[in-house]
Amino acid sequence: VTLGVRGTLSCLDAATGRKLWRKDDFPGAWPRFFASSSPIVANGLCIAQLGGSGNGAIVAYDLPTGNEKWKWTGDAPGYASPVLMNVAGVSLIVTETEKNIVALSAADGKVLWEAPFAPQGMAYNAATPIVDGQTLIYCGQGRGAKAVKIEKQGDSVAAKELWSNAENAVQFNTPVLKSGLLFGLSQRGNFFCINARNGQTAWTDSTGGRGGFGSIVDAGSVLLALTPKSQLIAFEPSDKEYKELASIKVADTQTYAYPVVAGNRVYVKDQDSVILWTLE
């Protein structure tokens, strides 16, 4: 399943590439910087944020047929991707929309929890929420990082705030949760580490100059960060201090896409090509 930059949702046969169905339910409507959210496949459904400001929705389609199963029109789409969360046997679809963070019933699209999370100034909701059991962590530039515990309450769910960290936040990348620690790259290009249990900042590296469009991925024993200047940085996943292990120029042009790690292979996409590197 793919979601094009202008909001066209397509389902293809993985073996043959044959188009099974395609949806363009919001023609001419997409976010200011085009669609960047990824659809999610769960419980036989394909669920995606579609449309643009003033004309958008979260829509669920039957995966085999493409028939619409439900639609939530409470807010326009954000740039973040939806994630699946299970609370007391209830499947939730959680995502940052244009101005809120919402939890919908995966079965019928009913709103089970919603909280205001409107961006400030030139900020956007682009960081995908992080699920850790019943804990939900979400971030946004100018609003810091927050953690809530989602619990079942009657026919709905309720959220209890666990912590809020206003010191560090991300804009276009999603932090990595590893061993109870949250690692991110701020809009100013600084790496940071937050204790995900209490929300306290463990450390912030203020070297800067990396650009806020970078990304971090978990590569097992190390974390890999790719900056927009095509610098691949390996550092330790520690709460003691920032410790850089290596820094390598991996492309000739700017890199905005996430690197893809498969075993010891790292795939990097710049503006002209896809490049394969290996970790030794």
C-alpha atoms as a PDB file:
ATOM      1  CA  VAL A   1       0.000   0.000   0.000  1.00  0.00           C
ATOM      2  CA  THR A   2       1.387   3.415  -0.951  1.00  0.00           C
ATOM      3  CA  LEU A   3       0.281   7.008  -0.370  1.00  0.00           C
ATOM      4  CA  GLY A   4       1.419   9.453  -3.040  1.00  0.00           C
ATOM      5  CA  VAL A   5       2.503  13.021  -2.333  1.00  0.00           C
ATOM      6  CA  ARG A   6      -0.823  14.332  -3.690  1.00  0.00           C
ATOM      7  CA  GLY A   7      -2.845  11.983  -1.519  1.00  0.00           C
ATOM      8  CA  THR A   8      -3.563   9.108  -3.902  1.00  0.00           C
ATOM      9  CA  LEU A   9      -3.822   5.846  -1.964  1.00  0.00           C
ATOM     10  CA  SER A  10      -2.964   2.689  -3.926  1.00  0.00           C
ATOM     11  CA  CYS A  11      -2.997  -1.007  -3.091  1.00  0.00           C
ATOM     12  CA  LEU A  12      -0.783  -3.222  -5.269  1.00  0.00           C
ATOM     13  CA  ASP A  13      -0.226  -6.956  -5.476  1.00  0.00           C
ATOM     14  CA  ALA A  14       3.194  -7.407  -3.827  1.00  0.00           C
ATOM     15  CA  ALA A  15       4.129 -10.314  -6.116  1.00  0.00           C
ATOM     16  CA  THR A  16       3.157  -8.818  -9.476  1.00  0.00           C
ATOM     17  CA  GLY A  17       2.766  -5.081  -8.912  1.00  0.00           C
ATOM     18  CA  ARG A  18      -0.770  -5.241 -10.318  1.00  0.00           C
ATOM     19  CA  LYS A  19      -3.041  -2.487  -9.065  1.00  0.00           C
ATOM     20  CA  LEU A  20      -5.791  -3.923  -6.855  1.00  0.00           C
ATOM     21  CA  TRP A  21      -7.504  -0.630  -6.062  1.00  0.00           C
ATOM     22  CA  ARG A  22      -6.806   3.093  -5.924  1.00  0.00           C
ATOM     23  CA  LYS A  23      -8.461   5.942  -4.035  1.00  0.00           C
ATOM     24  CA  ASP A  24      -8.367   9.684  -4.703  1.00  0.00           C
ATOM     25  CA  ASP A  25     -11.227  10.789  -2.475  1.00  0.00           C
ATOM     26  CA  PHE A  26      -9.911  14.320  -1.874  1.00  0.00           C
ATOM     27  CA  PRO A  27      -8.841  15.560  -5.340  1.00  0.00           C
ATOM     28  CA  GLY A  28      -6.757  18.726  -5.219  1.00  0.00           C
ATOM     29  CA  ALA A  29      -6.501  18.620  -1.412  1.00  0.00           C
ATOM     30  CA  TRP A  30      -3.239  17.858   0.351  1.00  0.00           C
ATOM     31  CA  PRO A  31      -1.082  19.410   3.102  1.00  0.00           C
ATOM     32  CA  ARG A  32       1.034  22.478   2.330  1.00  0.00           C
ATOM     33  CA  PHE A  33       4.187  20.386   1.900  1.00  0.00           C
ATOM     34  CA  PHE A  34       2.285  17.456   0.363  1.00  0.00           C
ATOM     35  CA  ALA A  35       1.415  14.141   1.972  1.00  0.00           C
ATOM     36  CA  SER A  36       4.174  12.499   3.994  1.00  0.00           C
ATOM     37  CA  SER A  37       2.134  10.275   6.295  1.00  0.00           C
ATOM     38  CA  SER A  38       2.326   6.507   5.819  1.00  0.00           C
ATOM     39  CA  PRO A  39      -0.851   4.395   5.784  1.00  0.00           C
ATOM     40  CA  ILE A  40      -1.202   1.597   8.321  1.00  0.00           C
ATOM     41  CA  VAL A  41      -2.546  -1.912   7.700  1.00  0.00           C
ATOM     42  CA  ALA A  42      -4.277  -3.505  10.694  1.00  0.00           C
ATOM     43  CA  ASN A  43      -7.138  -5.924  11.303  1.00  0.00           C
ATOM     44  CA  GLY A  44      -7.878  -6.282   7.591  1.00  0.00           C
ATOM     45  CA  LEU A  45      -8.078  -2.514   7.110  1.00  0.00           C
ATOM     46  CA  CYS A  46      -5.917   0.091   5.386  1.00  0.00           C
ATOM     47  CA  ILE A  47      -6.088   3.346   7.371  1.00  0.00           C
ATOM     48  CA  ALA A  48      -4.644   6.656   6.184  1.00  0.00           C
ATOM     49  CA  GLN A  49      -4.688  10.411   6.764  1.00  0.00           C
ATOM     50  CA  LEU A  50      -6.015  11.946   3.546  1.00  0.00           C
ATOM     51  CA  GLY A  51      -6.871  15.369   2.127  1.00  0.00           C
ATOM     52  CA  GLY A  52      -5.653  18.761   3.270  1.00  0.00           C
ATOM     53  CA  SER A  53      -6.467  21.693   5.519  1.00  0.00           C
ATOM     54  CA  GLY A  54     -10.233  22.258   5.633  1.00  0.00           C
ATOM     55  CA  ASN A  55     -10.942  19.138   3.590  1.00  0.00           C
ATOM     56  CA  GLY A  56      -9.464  15.992   5.068  1.00  0.00           C
ATOM     57  CA  ALA A  57     -10.120  12.898   7.138  1.00  0.00           C
ATOM     58  CA  ILE A  58      -8.759   9.693   8.561  1.00  0.00           C
ATOM     59  CA  VAL A  59     -10.278   6.955   6.405  1.00  0.00           C
ATOM     60  CA  ALA A  60     -10.334   3.174   6.763  1.00  0.00           C
ATOM     61  CA  TYR A  61     -10.722   0.926   3.722  1.00  0.00           C
ATOM     62  CA  ASP A  62     -11.264  -2.798   3.482  1.00  0.00           C
ATOM     63  CA  LEU A  63      -7.827  -4.066   2.455  1.00  0.00           C
ATOM     64  CA  PRO A  64      -8.902  -6.729  -0.093  1.00  0.00           C
ATOM     65  CA  THR A  65     -11.573  -4.639  -1.851  1.00  0.00           C
ATOM     66  CA  GLY A  66     -10.859  -0.970  -1.138  1.00  0.00           C
ATOM     67  CA  ASN A  67     -14.407  -0.399   0.094  1.00  0.00           C
ATOM     68  CA  GLU A  68     -14.691   2.393   2.655  1.00  0.00           C
ATOM     69  CA  LYS A  69     -15.398   1.076   6.158  1.00  0.00           C
ATOM     70  CA  TRP A  70     -15.354   4.307   8.155  1.00  0.00           C
ATOM     71  CA  LYS A  71     -14.286   7.957   7.987  1.00  0.00           C
ATOM     72  CA  TRP A  72     -13.408  10.482  10.708  1.00  0.00           C
ATOM     73  CA  THR A  73     -13.589  14.125   9.612  1.00  0.00           C
ATOM     74  CA  GLY A  74     -12.809  15.850  12.911  1.00  0.00           C
ATOM     75  CA  ASP A  75      -9.556  17.453  11.729  1.00  0.00           C
ATOM     76  CA  ALA A  76      -7.317  17.831   8.698  1.00  0.00           C
ATOM     77  CA  PRO A  77      -4.305  15.536   8.304  1.00  0.00           C
ATOM     78  CA  GLY A  78      -0.905  16.131   9.824  1.00  0.00           C
ATOM     79  CA  TYR A  79       2.392  14.890   8.427  1.00  0.00           C
ATOM     80  CA  ALA A  80       2.750  12.172  11.071  1.00  0.00           C
ATOM     81  CA  SER A  81       1.844   8.536  10.473  1.00  0.00           C
ATOM     82  CA  PRO A  82      -0.831   6.675  12.448  1.00  0.00           C
ATOM     83  CA  VAL A  83       0.198   3.897  14.841  1.00  0.00           C
ATOM     84  CA  LEU A  84      -1.680   0.982  16.366  1.00  0.00           C
ATOM     85  CA  MET A  85      -2.210   0.782  20.133  1.00  0.00           C
ATOM     86  CA  ASN A  86      -3.994  -1.915  22.144  1.00  0.00           C
ATOM     87  CA  VAL A  87      -5.706  -0.964  25.411  1.00  0.00           C
ATOM     88  CA  ALA A  88      -7.532  -3.711  27.329  1.00  0.00           C
ATOM     89  CA  GLY A  89      -8.261  -5.581  24.119  1.00  0.00           C
ATOM     90  CA  VAL A  90      -9.415  -2.491  22.213  1.00  0.00           C
ATOM     91  CA  SER A  91      -7.430  -1.606  19.065  1.00  0.00           C
ATOM     92  CA  LEU A  92      -6.777   2.118  18.714  1.00  0.00           C
ATOM     93  CA  ILE A  93      -5.464   4.167  15.822  1.00  0.00           C
ATOM     94  CA  VAL A  94      -3.393   7.018  17.277  1.00  0.00           C
ATOM     95  CA  THR A  95      -1.993   9.907  15.280  1.00  0.00           C
ATOM     96  CA  GLU A  96      -1.142  13.593  15.261  1.00  0.00           C
ATOM     97  CA  THR A  97      -3.554  15.452  12.995  1.00  0.00           C
ATOM     98  CA  GLU A  98      -3.195  19.066  11.890  1.00  0.00           C
ATOM     99  CA  LYS A  99      -4.111  20.505  15.308  1.00  0.00           C
ATOM    100  CA  ASN A 100      -4.709  17.576  17.667  1.00  0.00           C
ATOM    101  CA  ILE A 101      -3.612  14.166  18.797  1.00  0.00           C
ATOM    102  CA  VAL A 102      -6.398  11.602  18.565  1.00  0.00           C
ATOM    103  CA  ALA A 103      -7.125   7.977  19.401  1.00  0.00           C
ATOM    104  CA  LEU A 104      -9.818   6.366  17.257  1.00  0.00           C
ATOM    105  CA  SER A 105     -11.397   2.951  17.503  1.00  0.00           C
ATOM    106  CA  ALA A 106      -9.807   0.865  14.763  1.00  0.00           C
ATOM    107  CA  ALA A 107     -13.104  -0.997  14.368  1.00  0.00           C
ATOM    108  CA  ASP A 108     -15.429   1.909  13.595  1.00  0.00           C
ATOM    109  CA  GLY A 109     -13.463   5.193  13.720  1.00  0.00           C
ATOM    110  CA  LYS A 110     -15.165   6.463  16.872  1.00  0.00           C
ATOM    111  CA  VAL A 111     -13.163   9.075  18.795  1.00  0.00           C
ATOM    112  CA  LEU A 112     -12.105   7.547  22.094  1.00  0.00           C
ATOM    113  CA  TRP A 113      -9.646  10.255  23.153  1.00  0.00           C
ATOM    114  CA  GLU A 114      -8.566  13.602  21.758  1.00  0.00           C
ATOM    115  CA  ALA A 115      -6.311  16.392  23.003  1.00  0.00           C
ATOM    116  CA  PRO A 116      -5.385  19.771  21.482  1.00  0.00           C
ATOM    117  CA  PHE A 117      -1.860  19.823  20.045  1.00  0.00           C
ATOM    118  CA  ALA A 118      -1.846  22.772  17.679  1.00  0.00           C
ATOM    119  CA  PRO A 119       1.539  23.787  16.217  1.00  0.00           C
ATOM    120  CA  GLN A 120       2.900  27.224  17.006  1.00  0.00           C
ATOM    121  CA  GLY A 121       4.384  29.534  14.388  1.00  0.00           C
ATOM    122  CA  MET A 122       6.243  27.638  11.659  1.00  0.00           C
ATOM    123  CA  ALA A 123       5.851  24.266  13.370  1.00  0.00           C
ATOM    124  CA  TYR A 124       4.028  21.186  12.094  1.00  0.00           C
ATOM    125  CA  ASN A 125       2.707  17.916  13.465  1.00  0.00           C
ATOM    126  CA  ALA A 126       5.156  15.583  11.764  1.00  0.00           C
ATOM    127  CA  ALA A 127       6.483  13.274  14.505  1.00  0.00           C
ATOM    128  CA  THR A 128       4.788   9.889  14.650  1.00  0.00           C
ATOM    129  CA  PRO A 129       3.536   9.023  18.173  1.00  0.00           C
ATOM    130  CA  ILE A 130       5.461   6.334  20.064  1.00  0.00           C
ATOM    131  CA  VAL A 131       3.627   3.477  21.776  1.00  0.00           C
ATOM    132  CA  ASP A 132       5.208   1.666  24.732  1.00  0.00           C
ATOM    133  CA  GLY A 133       2.582  -0.639  26.220  1.00  0.00           C
ATOM    134  CA  GLN A 134      -0.115   1.675  27.574  1.00  0.00           C
ATOM    135  CA  THR A 135       2.205   4.685  27.453  1.00  0.00           C
ATOM    136  CA  LEU A 136       1.905   7.099  24.554  1.00  0.00           C
ATOM    137  CA  ILE A 137       4.712   9.581  23.844  1.00  0.00           C
ATOM    138  CA  TYR A 138       4.219  12.447  21.412  1.00  0.00           C
ATOM    139  CA  CYS A 139       6.326  15.460  20.455  1.00  0.00           C
ATOM    140  CA  GLY A 140       6.118  18.728  18.583  1.00  0.00           C
ATOM    141  CA  GLN A 141       8.348  21.707  17.921  1.00  0.00           C
ATOM    142  CA  GLY A 142       7.626  24.476  20.434  1.00  0.00           C
ATOM    143  CA  ARG A 143       5.576  22.105  22.611  1.00  0.00           C
ATOM    144  CA  GLY A 144       8.225  19.691  23.832  1.00  0.00           C
ATOM    145  CA  ALA A 145       7.654  15.997  24.491  1.00  0.00           C
ATOM    146  CA  LYS A 146       4.776  14.542  26.492  1.00  0.00           C
ATOM    147  CA  ALA A 147       3.857  11.109  27.829  1.00  0.00           C
ATOM    148  CA  VAL A 148       0.394   9.916  28.834  1.00  0.00           C
ATOM    149  CA  LYS A 149      -0.968   6.606  30.070  1.00  0.00           C
ATOM    150  CA  ILE A 150      -3.998   5.419  28.091  1.00  0.00           C
ATOM    151  CA  GLU A 151      -6.496   3.377  30.116  1.00  0.00           C
ATOM    152  CA  LYS A 152      -9.913   1.949  29.339  1.00  0.00           C
ATOM    153  CA  GLN A 153     -12.763   3.889  30.898  1.00  0.00           C
ATOM    154  CA  GLY A 154     -16.203   2.438  30.253  1.00  0.00           C
ATOM    155  CA  ASP A 155     -16.819   2.368  26.507  1.00  0.00           C
ATOM    156  CA  SER A 156     -14.021   4.848  25.891  1.00  0.00           C
ATOM    157  CA  VAL A 157     -10.449   5.496  27.056  1.00  0.00           C
ATOM    158  CA  ALA A 158      -8.870   8.171  29.226  1.00  0.00           C
ATOM    159  CA  ALA A 159      -5.368   9.646  29.318  1.00  0.00           C
ATOM    160  CA  LYS A 160      -3.361  10.418  32.440  1.00  0.00           C
ATOM    161  CA  GLU A 161      -0.332  12.664  32.003  1.00  0.00           C
ATOM    162  CA  LEU A 162       2.880  10.995  33.141  1.00  0.00           C
ATOM    163  CA  TRP A 163       5.340  13.742  32.305  1.00  0.00           C
ATOM    164  CA  SER A 164       6.032  16.736  30.098  1.00  0.00           C
ATOM    165  CA  ASN A 165       9.453  17.885  28.918  1.00  0.00           C
ATOM    166  CA  ALA A 166       9.533  21.396  27.447  1.00  0.00           C
ATOM    167  CA  GLU A 167      13.318  21.465  26.993  1.00  0.00           C
ATOM    168  CA  ASN A 168      13.620  19.210  23.966  1.00  0.00           C
ATOM    169  CA  ALA A 169      11.417  18.649  20.954  1.00  0.00           C
ATOM    170  CA  VAL A 170      11.551  17.476  17.371  1.00  0.00           C
ATOM    171  CA  GLN A 171      10.008  18.886  14.231  1.00  0.00           C
ATOM    172  CA  PHE A 172      10.268  16.577  11.222  1.00  0.00           C
ATOM    173  CA  ASN A 173      11.682  13.373  12.717  1.00  0.00           C
ATOM    174  CA  THR A 174      10.374  10.804  15.184  1.00  0.00           C
ATOM    175  CA  PRO A 175      12.540  10.089  18.258  1.00  0.00           C
ATOM    176  CA  VAL A 176      13.816   6.571  18.946  1.00  0.00           C
ATOM    177  CA  LEU A 177      12.727   4.772  22.123  1.00  0.00           C
ATOM    178  CA  LYS A 178      15.404   2.322  23.262  1.00  0.00           C
ATOM    179  CA  SER A 179      15.860   0.679  26.675  1.00  0.00           C
ATOM    180  CA  GLY A 180      13.687   3.243  28.425  1.00  0.00           C
ATOM    181  CA  LEU A 181      15.458   6.189  26.795  1.00  0.00           C
ATOM    182  CA  LEU A 182      14.173   8.593  24.166  1.00  0.00           C
ATOM    183  CA  PHE A 183      16.733   9.852  21.635  1.00  0.00           C
ATOM    184  CA  GLY A 184      15.947  12.717  19.292  1.00  0.00           C
ATOM    185  CA  LEU A 185      17.330  15.416  17.021  1.00  0.00           C
ATOM    186  CA  SER A 186      15.977  18.899  17.671  1.00  0.00           C
ATOM    187  CA  GLN A 187      15.086  21.519  15.075  1.00  0.00           C
ATOM    188  CA  ARG A 188      18.339  23.277  16.006  1.00  0.00           C
ATOM    189  CA  GLY A 189      20.305  20.163  15.085  1.00  0.00           C
ATOM    190  CA  ASN A 190      21.117  19.049  18.631  1.00  0.00           C
ATOM    191  CA  PHE A 191      20.938  15.434  19.771  1.00  0.00           C
ATOM    192  CA  PHE A 192      19.171  14.843  23.075  1.00  0.00           C
ATOM    193  CA  CYS A 193      18.309  11.995  25.437  1.00  0.00           C
ATOM    194  CA  ILE A 194      15.244  11.911  27.707  1.00  0.00           C
ATOM    195  CA  ASN A 195      14.539   9.342  30.409  1.00  0.00           C
ATOM    196  CA  ALA A 196      11.235   7.950  29.109  1.00  0.00           C
ATOM    197  CA  ARG A 197      10.154   6.857  32.592  1.00  0.00           C
ATOM    198  CA  ASN A 198      10.175  10.290  34.236  1.00  0.00           C
ATOM    199  CA  GLY A 199      10.640  12.756  31.365  1.00  0.00           C
ATOM    200  CA  GLN A 200      13.882  14.223  32.693  1.00  0.00           C
ATOM    201  CA  THR A 201      16.566  15.269  30.219  1.00  0.00           C
ATOM    202  CA  ALA A 202      19.606  13.003  30.552  1.00  0.00           C
ATOM    203  CA  TRP A 203      21.788  15.045  28.214  1.00  0.00           C
ATOM    204  CA  THR A 204      21.743  17.459  25.293  1.00  0.00           C
ATOM    205  CA  ASP A 205      24.573  17.764  22.805  1.00  0.00           C
ATOM    206  CA  SER A 206      24.773  21.361  21.648  1.00  0.00           C
ATOM    207  CA  THR A 207      27.341  20.900  18.899  1.00  0.00           C
ATOM    208  CA  GLY A 208      24.650  21.939  16.406  1.00  0.00           C
ATOM    209  CA  GLY A 209      25.084  22.388  12.685  1.00  0.00           C
ATOM    210  CA  ARG A 210      23.338  19.115  11.852  1.00  0.00           C
ATOM    211  CA  GLY A 211      20.037  20.595  10.726  1.00  0.00           C
ATOM    212  CA  GLY A 212      16.602  19.771  12.071  1.00  0.00           C
ATOM    213  CA  PHE A 213      15.583  17.780   9.002  1.00  0.00           C
ATOM    214  CA  GLY A 214      17.740  14.821  10.041  1.00  0.00           C
ATOM    215  CA  SER A 215      16.582  11.481  11.408  1.00  0.00           C
ATOM    216  CA  ILE A 216      17.656   8.789  13.876  1.00  0.00           C
ATOM    217  CA  VAL A 217      17.200   5.019  13.547  1.00  0.00           C
ATOM    218  CA  ASP A 218      17.964   2.099  15.847  1.00  0.00           C
ATOM    219  CA  ALA A 219      20.760  -0.079  14.439  1.00  0.00           C
ATOM    220  CA  GLY A 220      21.103  -2.463  17.377  1.00  0.00           C
ATOM    221  CA  SER A 221      24.224  -1.698  19.382  1.00  0.00           C
ATOM    222  CA  VAL A 222      24.381   1.858  18.009  1.00  0.00           C
ATOM    223  CA  LEU A 223      22.062   4.616  16.884  1.00  0.00           C
ATOM    224  CA  LEU A 224      22.464   6.026  13.386  1.00  0.00           C
ATOM    225  CA  ALA A 225      21.603   9.613  12.528  1.00  0.00           C
ATOM    226  CA  LEU A 226      21.464  10.971   8.994  1.00  0.00           C
ATOM    227  CA  THR A 227      21.733  14.741   8.631  1.00  0.00           C
ATOM    228  CA  PRO A 228      20.388  16.697   5.638  1.00  0.00           C
ATOM    229  CA  LYS A 229      24.016  17.371   4.700  1.00  0.00           C
ATOM    230  CA  SER A 230      24.358  13.595   4.042  1.00  0.00           C
ATOM    231  CA  GLN A 231      26.475  12.922   7.126  1.00  0.00           C
ATOM    232  CA  LEU A 232      25.804   9.515   8.710  1.00  0.00           C
ATOM    233  CA  ILE A 233      26.636   9.625  12.428  1.00  0.00           C
ATOM    234  CA  ALA A 234      26.882   6.614  14.735  1.00  0.00           C
ATOM    235  CA  PHE A 235      26.600   7.218  18.478  1.00  0.00           C
ATOM    236  CA  GLU A 236      26.099   5.212  21.650  1.00  0.00           C
ATOM    237  CA  PRO A 237      22.556   4.697  23.012  1.00  0.00           C
ATOM    238  CA  SER A 238      23.584   5.810  26.506  1.00  0.00           C
ATOM    239  CA  ASP A 239      22.036   8.142  29.071  1.00  0.00           C
ATOM    240  CA  LYS A 240      25.458   9.119  30.453  1.00  0.00           C
ATOM    241  CA  GLU A 241      26.597  11.439  27.694  1.00  0.00           C
ATOM    242  CA  TYR A 242      26.628  11.919  23.945  1.00  0.00           C
ATOM    243  CA  LYS A 243      29.432   9.769  22.549  1.00  0.00           C
ATOM    244  CA  GLU A 244      29.997   9.867  18.818  1.00  0.00           C
ATOM    245  CA  LEU A 245      31.562   6.721  17.364  1.00  0.00           C
ATOM    246  CA  ALA A 246      31.834   7.610  13.681  1.00  0.00           C
ATOM    247  CA  SER A 247      30.796  10.224  11.143  1.00  0.00           C
ATOM    248  CA  ILE A 248      30.835   9.489   7.414  1.00  0.00           C
ATOM    249  CA  LYS A 249      29.805  11.456   4.321  1.00  0.00           C
ATOM    250  CA  VAL A 250      27.443   9.034   2.561  1.00  0.00           C
ATOM    251  CA  ALA A 251      26.016  10.971  -0.398  1.00  0.00           C
ATOM    252  CA  ASP A 252      26.805  13.785  -2.810  1.00  0.00           C
ATOM    253  CA  THR A 253      23.527  15.677  -2.458  1.00  0.00           C
ATOM    254  CA  GLN A 254      21.173  16.467   0.413  1.00  0.00           C
ATOM    255  CA  THR A 255      19.461  13.630   2.287  1.00  0.00           C
ATOM    256  CA  TYR A 256      15.991  14.126   3.751  1.00  0.00           C
ATOM    257  CA  ALA A 257      14.655  10.559   3.718  1.00  0.00           C
ATOM    258  CA  TYR A 258      15.220   8.178   6.614  1.00  0.00           C
ATOM    259  CA  PRO A 259      18.086   5.690   6.162  1.00  0.00           C
ATOM    260  CA  VAL A 260      16.923   2.076   5.987  1.00  0.00           C
ATOM    261  CA  VAL A 261      18.838  -0.491   8.058  1.00  0.00           C
ATOM    262  CA  ALA A 262      18.692  -4.191   7.148  1.00  0.00           C
ATOM    263  CA  GLY A 263      21.233  -6.298   9.024  1.00  0.00           C
ATOM    264  CA  ASN A 264      24.583  -4.628   8.450  1.00  0.00           C
ATOM    265  CA  ARG A 265      23.327  -2.815   5.357  1.00  0.00           C
ATOM    266  CA  VAL A 266      22.320   0.840   5.325  1.00  0.00           C
ATOM    267  CA  TYR A 267      20.399   2.235   2.358  1.00  0.00           C
ATOM    268  CA  VAL A 268      20.633   5.999   1.872  1.00  0.00           C
ATOM    269  CA  LYS A 269      18.578   8.062  -0.581  1.00  0.00           C
ATOM    270  CA  ASP A 270      19.784  11.462  -1.707  1.00  0.00           C
ATOM    271  CA  GLN A 271      18.291  13.683  -4.429  1.00  0.00           C
ATOM    272  CA  ASP A 272      19.687  11.603  -7.289  1.00  0.00           C
ATOM    273  CA  SER A 273      20.085   7.984  -6.232  1.00  0.00           C
ATOM    274  CA  VAL A 274      19.914   5.228  -3.634  1.00  0.00           C
ATOM    275  CA  ILE A 275      23.280   4.241  -2.123  1.00  0.00           C
ATOM    276  CA  LEU A 276      24.136   1.083  -0.189  1.00  0.00           C
ATOM    277  CA  TRP A 277      26.619   1.141   2.686  1.00  0.00           C
ATOM    278  CA  THR A 278      27.631  -1.683   5.004  1.00  0.00           C
ATOM    279  CA  LEU A 279      28.413  -1.513   8.717  1.00  0.00           C
ATOM    280  CA  GLU A 280      31.562  -3.321   9.816  1.00  0.00           C
END
